[in-house]
Amino acid sequence: MKEKPWLKRLVPMTNQMLWEAFDDMLNYSIELQRKQMEQTDNAVEIYRAQGSIQSLKRLKLLKEEIQNAQAQK
């Protein structure tokens, strides 16, 4: 796997309280995008919301990615 140097700088973010706040913010943003998808009939807006949800879910996996990078040291 290619080295990702920025992961080392994100280690403090894995602090439990900080991560929970970040995760809550991501969940809130995902819920807003879901509501947007439910309330629109515009295909472009649906695709945008889907893309946003995909990106937000990827951010939710960031903690595991950081921890895996630390474990590989």
Protein backbone atom coordinates (compact mmCIF):
# COMPACT_ATOMS: atom_id res chain seq x y z
CA MET A 1 0.00 0.00 0.00
CA LYS A 2 1.29 3.44 -0.87
CA GLU A 3 2.48 5.56 2.07
CA LYS A 4 0.04 8.31 3.01
CA PRO A 5 2.05 10.85 5.02
CA TRP A 6 -0.95 12.96 6.00
CA LEU A 7 -2.38 10.10 8.08
CA LYS A 8 0.31 10.65 10.74
CA ARG A 9 -0.83 14.24 11.20
CA LEU A 10 -4.44 13.10 11.67
CA VAL A 11 -3.68 10.81 14.62
CA PRO A 12 -4.84 13.38 17.23
CA MET A 13 -8.23 13.32 15.55
CA THR A 14 -8.75 9.72 16.69
CA ASN A 15 -9.15 10.97 20.26
CA GLN A 16 -12.46 9.47 21.43
CA MET A 17 -14.29 12.72 22.24
CA LEU A 18 -13.05 14.50 19.13
CA TRP A 19 -13.88 11.54 16.91
CA GLU A 20 -17.39 11.22 18.37
CA ALA A 21 -18.07 14.89 17.63
CA PHE A 22 -16.74 14.47 14.08
CA ASP A 23 -18.82 11.32 13.60
CA ASP A 24 -21.95 13.09 14.87
CA MET A 25 -21.33 15.90 12.39
CA LEU A 26 -20.93 13.38 9.55
CA ASN A 27 -24.14 11.59 10.55
CA TYR A 28 -26.00 14.90 10.64
CA SER A 29 -24.70 15.83 7.19
CA ILE A 30 -25.64 12.41 5.78
CA GLU A 31 -29.15 12.80 7.15
CA LEU A 32 -29.47 16.24 5.53
CA GLN A 33 -28.45 14.76 2.17
CA ARG A 34 -30.95 11.91 2.56
CA LYS A 35 -33.73 14.41 3.22
CA GLN A 36 -32.62 16.37 0.16
CA MET A 37 -32.89 13.20 -1.95
CA GLU A 38 -36.35 12.42 -0.57
CA GLN A 39 -37.68 15.89 -1.28
CA THR A 40 -36.41 16.49 -4.79
CA ASP A 41 -37.57 15.25 -8.14
CA ASN A 42 -34.52 16.62 -9.95
CA ALA A 43 -32.20 13.79 -11.05
CA VAL A 44 -29.12 16.01 -10.90
CA GLU A 45 -29.86 16.92 -7.27
CA ILE A 46 -30.34 13.24 -6.42
CA TYR A 47 -26.97 12.36 -7.98
CA ARG A 48 -25.28 15.19 -6.09
CA ALA A 49 -26.78 14.05 -2.81
CA GLN A 50 -25.69 10.47 -3.51
CA GLY A 51 -22.15 11.66 -4.20
CA SER A 52 -22.13 13.70 -1.01
CA ILE A 53 -23.32 10.73 1.02
CA GLN A 54 -20.64 8.55 -0.53
CA SER A 55 -17.93 11.08 0.38
CA LEU A 56 -19.25 11.50 3.91
CA LYS A 57 -19.31 7.73 4.44
CA ARG A 58 -15.73 7.55 3.21
CA LEU A 59 -14.78 10.08 5.88
CA LYS A 60 -16.42 7.85 8.49
CA LEU A 61 -13.83 5.19 7.57
CA LEU A 62 -10.95 7.59 8.15
CA LYS A 63 -10.39 6.50 11.76
CA GLU A 64 -9.79 2.90 10.71
CA GLU A 65 -7.46 4.06 7.95
CA ILE A 66 -5.43 6.11 10.43
CA GLN A 67 -5.27 3.23 12.91
CA ASN A 68 -4.24 0.77 10.21
CA ALA A 69 -1.44 3.10 9.12
CA GLN A 70 -0.22 3.29 12.72
CA ALA A 71 -0.33 -0.50 13.10
CA GLN A 72 1.82 -0.97 9.99
CA LYS A 73 4.73 0.96 11.51
